[in-house]
Amino acid sequence: MAGPRTNLEQWYCFLAVVDEGSYARAAEVLHKSQSAVTYTIQKMEEQLGVKVFEIQGRKSQLTEVGQMLYRRGRALIDEALRLEKSAKSVAAGWEPQLRIVCDTLFPSHTMLDCLADLSERCPDTRIECVETVLSGAEEALLERRCDVAITGIVPPGFLGDHILRVKFIAVAHRDHALHKLDRQLDYRDLRPFRQVVVRDSGVRRQRDAGWLEAAQRLTVSRMELSISAVARGLGFAWLPEIAMEKELESGEIMPLPMIEGGERYADLFLILPNRDLAGAAALRCEALIKAATENLVC
């Protein structure tokens, strides 16, 4: 099989000339002489049999072929850098940093158990775990701001493993006026009262979810705060059963006797955005989460 005529150094040099806007500035960035940079580009053009630059006035401009080669060359260099990063990660063992984004529906005690294991096994890895709501994890995935994600939304271009189904229940404080109606309820009964909802933590892809037609609304940023608000009698809400077990057992919070829609379900998925580059800590985190959720009933 014939090998390529060009090499990565030539492509890197070509990208530098385009990015810096001139041979002289590219030479400074590359710590080479301008003549060496010029020779490298000319040699590359000769080997490819095309012209990547043309003179317009006093400046060199990319030809149409050059523009296409710049895009392909950028992808080539990026892939080479990812390959080197992957090799370094394997050679070093544990990666220096692990970024986890976790939907607020995922049980916090389960995540803390996983973090405790990771902290013990890879003490030199800086672990960042960020809680998100609705589109927050999706946004982090699309912007490549995480190594592991637990999300209710699998963005296009990603694959996720289903790990959990979370049960939501319509609830209110035991002394709430809705309970004093002493009958089955429909959505019309809910409209005059305040609904507690959790705000989407995403910035660009904010979403609403569920029934949101109450006359009044109390919006909070965290699931724990919404549970506390309902426990204080500040409104009704659909809340994850597993997150309010204590309040349900004590009777402080009680399910609303809905004719329909009193229970809802949300699915959570586990995603490694780039498995080929995943380090030992990310893979260990994935294994821990999958093991912890196998017998978890929500």
Protein backbone atom coordinates (compact mmCIF):
# COMPACT_ATOMS: atom_id res chain seq x y z
CA MET A 1 0.00 0.00 0.00
CA ALA A 2 1.40 3.38 -1.04
CA GLY A 3 1.91 5.89 1.76
CA PRO A 4 0.94 9.58 1.66
CA ARG A 5 3.18 11.99 -0.19
CA THR A 6 2.76 14.70 2.43
CA ASN A 7 3.38 14.70 6.17
CA LEU A 8 1.74 16.24 9.24
CA GLU A 9 4.44 18.89 9.58
CA GLN A 10 3.58 20.23 6.13
CA TRP A 11 -0.13 20.36 6.94
CA TYR A 12 0.56 22.04 10.28
CA CYS A 13 2.70 24.63 8.52
CA PHE A 14 -0.03 25.21 5.91
CA LEU A 15 -2.65 25.75 8.64
CA ALA A 16 -0.35 28.17 10.47
CA VAL A 17 0.08 30.34 7.35
CA VAL A 18 -3.70 30.52 6.89
CA ASP A 19 -4.46 31.09 10.58
CA GLU A 20 -1.77 33.74 11.06
CA GLY A 21 -2.49 35.48 7.76
CA SER A 22 1.08 35.58 6.43
CA TYR A 23 4.25 33.56 5.98
CA ALA A 24 6.15 35.90 8.29
CA ARG A 25 3.75 35.54 11.25
CA ALA A 26 3.48 31.80 10.69
CA ALA A 27 7.29 31.57 10.80
CA GLU A 28 7.30 33.33 14.18
CA VAL A 29 4.68 30.99 15.63
CA LEU A 30 6.44 27.91 14.26
CA HIS A 31 9.90 29.15 15.30
CA LYS A 32 11.15 28.69 11.74
CA SER A 33 12.64 31.00 9.16
CA GLN A 34 10.26 32.50 6.61
CA SER A 35 12.19 30.82 3.82
CA ALA A 36 11.70 27.43 5.50
CA VAL A 37 7.95 28.00 5.73
CA THR A 38 7.77 29.11 2.10
CA TYR A 39 9.75 26.05 0.98
CA THR A 40 7.47 23.74 2.98
CA ILE A 41 4.35 25.13 1.29
CA GLN A 42 5.91 25.02 -2.17
CA LYS A 43 7.01 21.43 -1.63
CA MET A 44 3.51 20.53 -0.48
CA GLU A 45 1.98 22.11 -3.59
CA GLU A 46 4.44 20.21 -5.76
CA GLN A 47 3.66 16.89 -4.09
CA LEU A 48 -0.10 17.42 -4.36
CA GLY A 49 -0.01 18.88 -7.85
CA VAL A 50 -2.19 21.86 -6.90
CA LYS A 51 -1.85 25.52 -5.91
CA VAL A 52 -3.09 26.31 -2.41
CA PHE A 53 -2.26 30.04 -2.55
CA GLU A 54 -2.49 32.68 -5.27
CA ILE A 55 -1.24 36.26 -5.28
CA GLN A 56 -3.94 38.94 -5.19
CA GLY A 57 -2.43 42.40 -5.03
CA ARG A 58 0.32 42.14 -2.45
CA LYS A 59 -1.22 39.32 -0.46
CA SER A 60 -1.42 35.57 -0.83
CA GLN A 61 -5.00 34.25 -0.79
CA LEU A 62 -6.30 30.71 -0.60
CA THR A 63 -7.44 29.22 -3.85
CA GLU A 64 -10.72 27.28 -3.94
CA VAL A 65 -8.68 24.09 -3.72
CA GLY A 66 -6.73 25.60 -0.84
CA GLN A 67 -9.94 26.35 1.06
CA MET A 68 -11.03 22.74 0.70
CA LEU A 69 -7.62 21.46 1.75
CA TYR A 70 -7.61 23.81 4.74
CA ARG A 71 -10.86 22.27 6.03
CA ARG A 72 -9.57 18.73 5.47
CA GLY A 73 -6.17 19.62 6.90
CA ARG A 74 -7.75 21.05 10.05
CA ALA A 75 -9.65 17.80 10.56
CA LEU A 76 -6.44 15.83 9.95
CA ILE A 77 -4.43 17.79 12.53
CA ASP A 78 -7.28 17.69 15.07
CA GLU A 79 -7.49 13.91 14.69
CA ALA A 80 -3.71 13.57 15.09
CA LEU A 81 -3.86 15.65 18.28
CA ARG A 82 -6.71 13.52 19.63
CA LEU A 83 -4.70 10.40 18.83
CA GLU A 84 -1.69 11.73 20.74
CA LYS A 85 -3.92 12.74 23.66
CA SER A 86 -5.37 9.25 23.77
CA ALA A 87 -1.89 7.69 23.80
CA LYS A 88 -0.75 10.03 26.61
CA SER A 89 -3.85 9.20 28.65
CA VAL A 90 -3.21 5.48 28.36
CA ALA A 91 0.48 5.90 29.20
CA ALA A 92 -0.26 8.03 32.25
CA GLY A 93 -2.95 5.74 33.64
CA TRP A 94 -5.53 7.98 35.31
CA GLU A 95 -6.36 11.21 33.49
CA PRO A 96 -5.61 14.49 35.33
CA GLN A 97 -9.21 15.72 35.15
CA LEU A 98 -12.65 14.11 34.98
CA ARG A 99 -15.70 16.24 34.17
CA ILE A 100 -19.12 14.76 34.96
CA VAL A 101 -22.48 16.35 34.21
CA CYS A 102 -25.38 14.70 35.98
CA ASP A 103 -29.10 15.33 35.57
CA THR A 104 -30.69 16.35 38.84
CA LEU A 105 -33.03 13.34 38.59
CA PHE A 106 -30.14 10.95 39.20
CA PRO A 107 -30.08 9.97 42.90
CA SER A 108 -27.45 12.07 44.67
CA HIS A 109 -26.52 9.32 47.14
CA THR A 110 -25.73 6.99 44.24
CA MET A 111 -23.54 9.62 42.57
CA LEU A 112 -21.76 10.30 45.86
CA ASP A 113 -20.97 6.58 46.23
CA CYS A 114 -19.41 6.62 42.75
CA LEU A 115 -17.43 9.77 43.54
CA ALA A 116 -16.15 8.22 46.77
CA ASP A 117 -14.82 5.22 44.86
CA LEU A 118 -13.19 7.42 42.22
CA SER A 119 -11.62 9.67 44.86
CA GLU A 120 -10.01 6.65 46.50
CA ARG A 121 -8.83 4.92 43.33
CA CYS A 122 -7.52 7.97 41.48
CA PRO A 123 -6.60 10.58 44.13
CA ASP A 124 -4.58 12.68 41.68
CA THR A 125 -7.51 13.14 39.29
CA ARG A 126 -9.39 16.41 39.71
CA ILE A 127 -13.08 15.49 39.61
CA GLU A 128 -15.77 18.00 38.69
CA CYS A 129 -19.41 16.93 39.02
CA VAL A 130 -22.02 19.45 37.86
CA GLU A 131 -25.74 18.95 38.41
CA THR A 132 -27.98 19.93 35.49
CA VAL A 133 -31.69 20.21 34.71
CA LEU A 134 -33.43 19.26 31.42
CA SER A 135 -31.18 20.50 28.56
CA GLY A 136 -28.15 21.32 30.72
CA ALA A 137 -26.40 17.99 30.16
CA GLU A 138 -27.31 17.99 26.46
CA GLU A 139 -25.71 21.41 26.09
CA ALA A 140 -22.54 20.26 27.88
CA LEU A 141 -22.30 17.28 25.52
CA LEU A 142 -22.72 19.34 22.36
CA GLU A 143 -20.14 21.86 23.58
CA ARG A 144 -17.71 19.09 24.62
CA ARG A 145 -17.62 20.28 28.24
CA CYS A 146 -17.81 16.85 29.87
CA ASP A 147 -16.22 13.40 29.88
CA VAL A 148 -19.24 11.57 31.33
CA ALA A 149 -22.88 12.63 31.11
CA ILE A 150 -26.11 11.43 32.69
CA THR A 151 -28.92 13.01 30.72
CA GLY A 152 -32.56 12.64 29.83
CA ILE A 153 -31.83 13.85 26.29
CA VAL A 154 -29.48 12.07 23.88
CA PRO A 155 -28.38 14.70 21.32
CA PRO A 156 -27.99 13.82 17.62
CA GLY A 157 -24.61 12.23 16.96
CA PHE A 158 -24.33 10.60 20.40
CA LEU A 159 -25.15 7.12 21.69
CA GLY A 160 -26.36 6.52 25.22
CA ASP A 161 -27.07 3.52 27.45
CA HIS A 162 -30.40 3.61 29.28
CA ILE A 163 -29.67 3.36 33.00
CA LEU A 164 -32.74 4.50 34.91
CA ARG A 165 -36.46 5.27 34.72
CA VAL A 166 -37.54 7.83 37.30
CA LYS A 167 -41.11 7.94 38.61
CA PHE A 168 -42.70 11.36 39.22
CA ILE A 169 -45.74 11.82 41.45
CA ALA A 170 -48.09 14.82 41.70
CA VAL A 171 -47.84 15.88 45.35
CA ALA A 172 -48.64 18.67 47.79
CA HIS A 173 -48.28 19.27 51.54
CA ARG A 174 -50.80 17.25 53.58
CA ASP A 175 -52.59 20.47 54.62
CA HIS A 176 -52.71 21.94 51.10
CA ALA A 177 -56.12 23.13 49.91
CA LEU A 178 -56.09 20.54 47.11
CA HIS A 179 -56.13 17.73 49.66
CA LYS A 180 -59.00 19.39 51.52
CA LEU A 181 -61.21 19.05 48.46
CA ASP A 182 -61.43 15.40 49.54
CA ARG A 183 -62.13 14.01 46.07
CA GLN A 184 -60.37 12.97 42.89
CA LEU A 185 -58.79 15.85 41.01
CA ASP A 186 -58.34 16.80 37.39
CA TYR A 187 -56.21 19.50 35.79
CA ARG A 188 -58.94 22.11 36.18
CA ASP A 189 -58.65 21.76 39.95
CA LEU A 190 -54.92 22.51 39.79
CA ARG A 191 -55.10 25.73 37.76
CA PRO A 192 -55.96 28.17 40.60
CA PHE A 193 -53.00 27.06 42.74
CA ARG A 194 -49.25 27.68 42.67
CA GLN A 195 -47.09 25.10 40.91
CA VAL A 196 -43.45 24.59 41.89
CA VAL A 197 -41.15 23.91 38.92
CA VAL A 198 -37.40 23.51 38.44
CA ARG A 199 -35.72 25.80 35.92
CA ASP A 200 -33.83 24.38 32.94
CA SER A 201 -30.10 24.82 33.61
CA GLY A 202 -29.28 25.05 29.89
CA VAL A 203 -28.45 28.44 28.40
CA ARG A 204 -29.06 27.94 24.67
CA ARG A 205 -31.52 25.05 24.53
CA GLN A 206 -33.91 25.73 27.37
CA ARG A 207 -36.92 23.46 27.57
CA ASP A 208 -40.12 23.14 29.55
CA ALA A 209 -41.47 19.76 30.56
CA GLY A 210 -44.77 18.51 31.94
CA TRP A 211 -48.01 20.36 32.74
CA LEU A 212 -47.40 24.10 33.28
CA GLU A 213 -50.84 25.71 33.22
CA ALA A 214 -51.19 26.78 36.86
CA ALA A 215 -52.20 30.40 37.47
CA GLN A 216 -49.17 30.91 39.70
CA ARG A 217 -45.69 29.47 39.47
CA LEU A 218 -42.70 29.24 41.79
CA THR A 219 -39.52 28.50 39.82
CA VAL A 220 -36.44 27.21 41.64
CA SER A 221 -33.02 26.11 40.45
CA ARG A 222 -32.58 22.79 42.28
CA MET A 223 -34.70 19.69 42.86
CA GLU A 224 -34.00 19.71 46.61
CA LEU A 225 -35.36 23.24 46.83
CA SER A 226 -38.57 22.26 45.02
CA ILE A 227 -39.13 19.42 47.50
CA SER A 228 -38.55 21.78 50.42
CA ALA A 229 -40.95 24.32 48.90
CA VAL A 230 -43.71 21.72 48.58
CA ALA A 231 -43.00 20.49 52.12
CA ARG A 232 -43.49 24.10 53.32
CA GLY A 233 -46.86 24.27 51.62
CA LEU A 234 -45.76 26.75 48.96
CA GLY A 235 -47.37 24.85 46.11
CA PHE A 236 -47.91 21.51 44.37
CA ALA A 237 -45.50 19.78 42.01
CA TRP A 238 -44.59 16.61 40.15
CA LEU A 239 -41.55 15.34 42.03
CA PRO A 240 -39.33 12.23 41.71
CA GLU A 241 -40.49 9.60 44.17
CA ILE A 242 -36.97 8.50 45.08
CA ALA A 243 -35.97 12.05 46.07
CA MET A 244 -38.81 12.55 48.58
CA GLU A 245 -39.01 9.15 50.25
CA LYS A 246 -38.58 10.66 53.73
CA GLU A 247 -41.35 13.22 53.22
CA LEU A 248 -43.73 10.60 51.79
CA GLU A 249 -43.08 8.15 54.63
CA SER A 250 -43.71 10.82 57.27
CA GLY A 251 -46.88 11.98 55.53
CA GLU A 252 -45.59 15.54 55.31
CA ILE A 253 -46.04 15.37 51.54
CA MET A 254 -48.93 13.37 50.09
CA PRO A 255 -49.77 12.28 46.55
CA LEU A 256 -52.60 14.21 44.94
CA PRO A 257 -55.58 11.95 44.03
CA MET A 258 -55.44 12.73 40.31
CA ILE A 259 -57.98 11.13 37.97
CA GLU A 260 -55.20 10.92 35.37
CA GLY A 261 -51.62 12.12 35.02
CA GLY A 262 -50.75 11.71 38.67
CA GLU A 263 -47.70 9.66 37.74
CA ARG A 264 -45.11 10.35 35.06
CA TYR A 265 -41.81 8.79 34.07
CA ALA A 266 -38.51 10.13 32.80
CA ASP A 267 -35.63 8.09 31.36
CA LEU A 268 -31.96 8.74 32.02
CA PHE A 269 -29.08 7.78 29.74
CA LEU A 270 -25.35 7.42 30.36
CA ILE A 271 -23.07 8.85 27.66
CA LEU A 272 -19.32 8.94 27.11
CA PRO A 273 -19.05 11.65 24.42
CA ASN A 274 -15.81 10.26 22.98
CA ARG A 275 -15.21 6.68 24.02
CA ASP A 276 -11.99 6.39 21.98
CA LEU A 277 -10.43 9.13 24.12
CA ALA A 278 -11.97 8.07 27.43
CA GLY A 279 -9.37 7.62 30.15
CA ALA A 280 -9.30 5.11 32.96
CA ALA A 281 -11.22 7.38 35.35
CA ALA A 282 -14.03 8.00 32.86
CA LEU A 283 -14.34 4.28 32.12
CA ARG A 284 -14.31 3.49 35.84
CA CYS A 285 -17.01 6.11 36.42
CA GLU A 286 -19.14 4.56 33.68
CA ALA A 287 -18.78 1.08 35.18
CA LEU A 288 -19.64 2.34 38.68
CA ILE A 289 -22.78 4.13 37.52
CA LYS A 290 -24.01 1.13 35.54
CA ALA A 291 -23.40 -1.22 38.47
CA ALA A 292 -25.09 1.13 40.94
CA THR A 293 -28.22 1.50 38.85
CA GLU A 294 -28.77 -2.14 37.92
CA ASN A 295 -30.99 -2.79 40.93
CA LEU A 296 -32.04 0.79 41.65
CA VAL A 297 -35.82 1.22 41.48
CA CYS A 298 -37.05 4.78 40.97
